[in-house]
N, C-alpha and C. Protein backbone atom coordinates (compact mmCIF):
# COMPACT_ATOMS: atom_id res chain seq x y z
N UNK A 1 93.45 117.57 109.34
CA UNK A 1 92.80 117.41 110.86
C UNK A 1 92.75 116.00 111.48
N UNK A 2 93.12 115.48 112.71
CA UNK A 2 92.17 114.03 112.68
C UNK A 2 92.13 113.59 114.19
N UNK A 3 90.69 112.78 114.22
CA UNK A 3 90.31 112.28 115.25
C UNK A 3 90.95 111.41 116.33
N UNK A 4 91.24 111.66 117.20
CA UNK A 4 92.25 110.86 118.59
C UNK A 4 91.99 109.69 118.44
N UNK A 5 90.45 108.91 117.80
CA UNK A 5 90.00 107.58 117.81
C UNK A 5 90.50 107.06 117.47
N UNK A 6 90.51 107.15 116.15
CA UNK A 6 91.18 106.32 115.02
C UNK A 6 91.84 106.84 114.20
N UNK A 7 92.44 108.19 114.01
CA UNK A 7 93.48 108.84 113.29
C UNK A 7 93.09 108.94 111.30
N UNK A 8 92.04 108.70 111.94
CA UNK A 8 91.35 109.03 110.17
C UNK A 8 91.56 110.52 110.23
N UNK A 9 91.53 111.17 109.07
CA UNK A 9 91.00 112.56 108.63
C UNK A 9 89.64 112.75 109.06
N UNK A 10 89.23 113.94 109.39
CA UNK A 10 88.04 114.30 109.86
C UNK A 10 87.12 114.19 108.95
N UNK A 11 86.04 114.24 108.78
CA UNK A 11 85.41 114.03 107.13
C UNK A 11 83.64 115.32 107.72
N UNK A 12 83.65 116.37 106.75
CA UNK A 12 81.97 116.67 106.91
C UNK A 12 82.56 117.68 108.04
N UNK A 13 83.61 118.30 107.67
CA UNK A 13 83.76 119.52 108.73
C UNK A 13 83.49 120.90 108.25
N UNK A 14 83.10 120.60 106.69
CA UNK A 14 83.06 121.59 106.47
C UNK A 14 83.70 123.08 105.62
N UNK A 15 83.76 124.02 104.86
CA UNK A 15 84.66 124.82 105.04
C UNK A 15 84.57 125.62 105.97
N UNK A 16 85.36 126.75 106.62
CA UNK A 16 86.08 127.51 107.83
C UNK A 16 85.70 128.94 107.17
N UNK A 17 85.04 129.55 108.00
CA UNK A 17 83.96 130.70 107.35
C UNK A 17 85.21 131.69 108.33
N UNK A 18 86.13 132.48 107.04
CA UNK A 18 86.89 132.91 108.00
C UNK A 18 86.53 134.51 108.14
N UNK A 19 85.33 134.82 107.34
CA UNK A 19 84.88 136.37 107.97
C UNK A 19 84.69 136.25 109.86
N UNK A 20 84.19 135.17 110.18
CA UNK A 20 84.31 135.01 112.31
C UNK A 20 85.55 134.80 112.89
N UNK A 21 86.63 134.33 111.89
CA UNK A 21 87.77 134.44 112.58
C UNK A 21 88.83 135.50 112.81
N UNK A 22 89.09 136.12 113.85
CA UNK A 22 90.26 136.75 113.84
C UNK A 22 91.87 137.38 113.62
N UNK A 23 92.51 138.15 113.12
CA UNK A 23 93.41 137.90 112.91
C UNK A 23 94.24 136.71 113.39
N UNK A 24 94.79 136.87 114.48
CA UNK A 24 95.38 135.41 115.30
C UNK A 24 94.85 134.43 115.92
N UNK A 25 93.52 134.29 114.86
CA UNK A 25 92.95 132.94 114.72
C UNK A 25 93.52 132.28 113.51
N UNK A 26 93.28 133.39 112.84
CA UNK A 26 93.96 132.67 111.15
C UNK A 26 95.17 132.52 111.11
N UNK A 27 95.79 132.97 111.83
CA UNK A 27 97.06 133.03 112.25
C UNK A 27 97.75 131.60 112.55
N UNK A 28 96.76 131.07 113.77
CA UNK A 28 96.91 129.70 114.46
C UNK A 28 96.71 128.95 113.02
N UNK A 29 95.78 129.50 112.45
CA UNK A 29 94.82 128.36 111.90
C UNK A 29 95.53 127.61 110.50
N UNK A 30 97.02 129.02 110.20
CA UNK A 30 98.34 128.68 109.16
C UNK A 30 98.42 127.46 109.51
N UNK A 31 99.03 127.85 110.78
CA UNK A 31 100.41 127.11 111.57
C UNK A 31 99.95 125.66 111.76
N UNK A 32 98.50 125.37 111.90
CA UNK A 32 98.15 124.40 112.17
C UNK A 32 97.86 123.19 110.85
N UNK A 33 97.50 124.48 109.67
CA UNK A 33 97.74 123.98 108.37
C UNK A 33 98.90 122.94 107.49
N UNK A 34 99.88 123.74 108.23
CA UNK A 34 101.23 124.01 108.01
C UNK A 34 101.70 122.48 108.65
N UNK A 35 101.24 122.19 109.96
CA UNK A 35 101.76 121.36 110.67
C UNK A 35 100.95 120.23 109.99
N UNK A 36 100.04 120.06 109.87
CA UNK A 36 99.23 118.72 109.06
C UNK A 36 99.60 118.36 107.76
N UNK A 37 99.97 119.74 106.97
CA UNK A 37 100.93 118.92 105.53
C UNK A 37 102.38 117.93 105.24
N UNK A 38 102.83 118.76 106.74
CA UNK A 38 103.79 118.33 107.22
C UNK A 38 104.13 116.71 107.92
N UNK A 39 102.93 116.49 108.86
CA UNK A 39 102.81 115.38 109.05
C UNK A 39 102.25 114.18 107.74
N UNK A 40 100.90 114.94 106.86
CA UNK A 40 101.07 114.37 105.76
C UNK A 40 102.13 113.95 104.62
N UNK A 41 103.14 115.27 105.01
CA UNK A 41 104.44 114.40 104.01
C UNK A 41 104.56 113.30 104.49
N UNK A 42 105.18 113.08 105.97
CA UNK A 42 105.82 112.15 106.75
C UNK A 42 105.29 110.83 106.61
N UNK A 43 103.93 110.58 106.29
CA UNK A 43 102.79 109.33 106.35
C UNK A 43 103.29 108.93 104.91
N UNK A 44 103.57 110.02 104.01
CA UNK A 44 103.67 109.19 102.68
C UNK A 44 105.15 108.58 102.35
N UNK A 45 106.08 109.45 102.85
CA UNK A 45 107.36 108.98 102.52
C UNK A 45 107.50 107.11 103.29
N UNK A 46 106.56 107.19 104.34
CA UNK A 46 106.74 105.77 105.18
C UNK A 46 105.65 105.26 104.27
N UNK A 47 105.23 105.38 103.53
CA UNK A 47 103.47 104.14 102.38
C UNK A 47 105.02 104.36 101.26
N UNK A 48 105.27 105.29 100.96
CA UNK A 48 106.13 105.08 99.70
C UNK A 48 107.53 103.87 100.38
N UNK A 49 108.09 104.12 100.97
CA UNK A 49 108.82 103.34 102.28
C UNK A 49 108.85 101.42 101.51
N UNK A 50 107.47 101.46 102.43
CA UNK A 50 106.43 100.44 102.50
C UNK A 50 106.72 99.54 101.20
N UNK A 51 106.29 100.46 100.20
CA UNK A 51 106.03 100.32 98.75
C UNK A 51 106.87 99.56 98.06
N UNK A 52 107.87 100.40 98.09
CA UNK A 52 109.22 100.13 97.64
C UNK A 52 109.98 98.76 97.85
N UNK A 53 109.74 98.84 99.56
CA UNK A 53 110.05 97.36 99.74
C UNK A 53 109.37 96.07 99.57
N UNK A 54 108.23 96.83 99.35
CA UNK A 54 107.29 95.34 99.09
C UNK A 54 107.32 94.87 97.50
N UNK A 55 107.69 96.11 96.54
CA UNK A 55 107.96 95.81 95.20
C UNK A 55 109.33 95.27 95.32
N UNK A 56 110.30 95.50 95.54
CA UNK A 56 111.64 94.76 95.92
C UNK A 56 111.60 93.07 96.41
N UNK A 57 110.76 93.08 97.14
CA UNK A 57 110.32 91.69 97.74
C UNK A 57 110.13 90.62 96.21
N UNK A 58 109.21 91.40 95.71
CA UNK A 58 108.84 90.43 94.70
C UNK A 58 109.68 90.70 93.47
N UNK A 59 109.84 91.35 93.50
CA UNK A 59 111.64 91.42 92.47
C UNK A 59 112.15 90.11 92.22
N UNK A 60 112.86 90.28 93.53
CA UNK A 60 113.99 89.17 93.56
C UNK A 60 112.91 87.34 93.73
């Protein structure tokens, strides 16, 4: 998860207490985590593309 102000991962949120969450809350939590994983994969792809471009510039 990220904060809106600086788009950095939130730290110090601690572990989630699953015992206090309903089934629908848990299902929603899974959806949120899957969205975050997909967003993270997209960031990785962009960073790899930038890194590859930089590598190609210095190889020339």
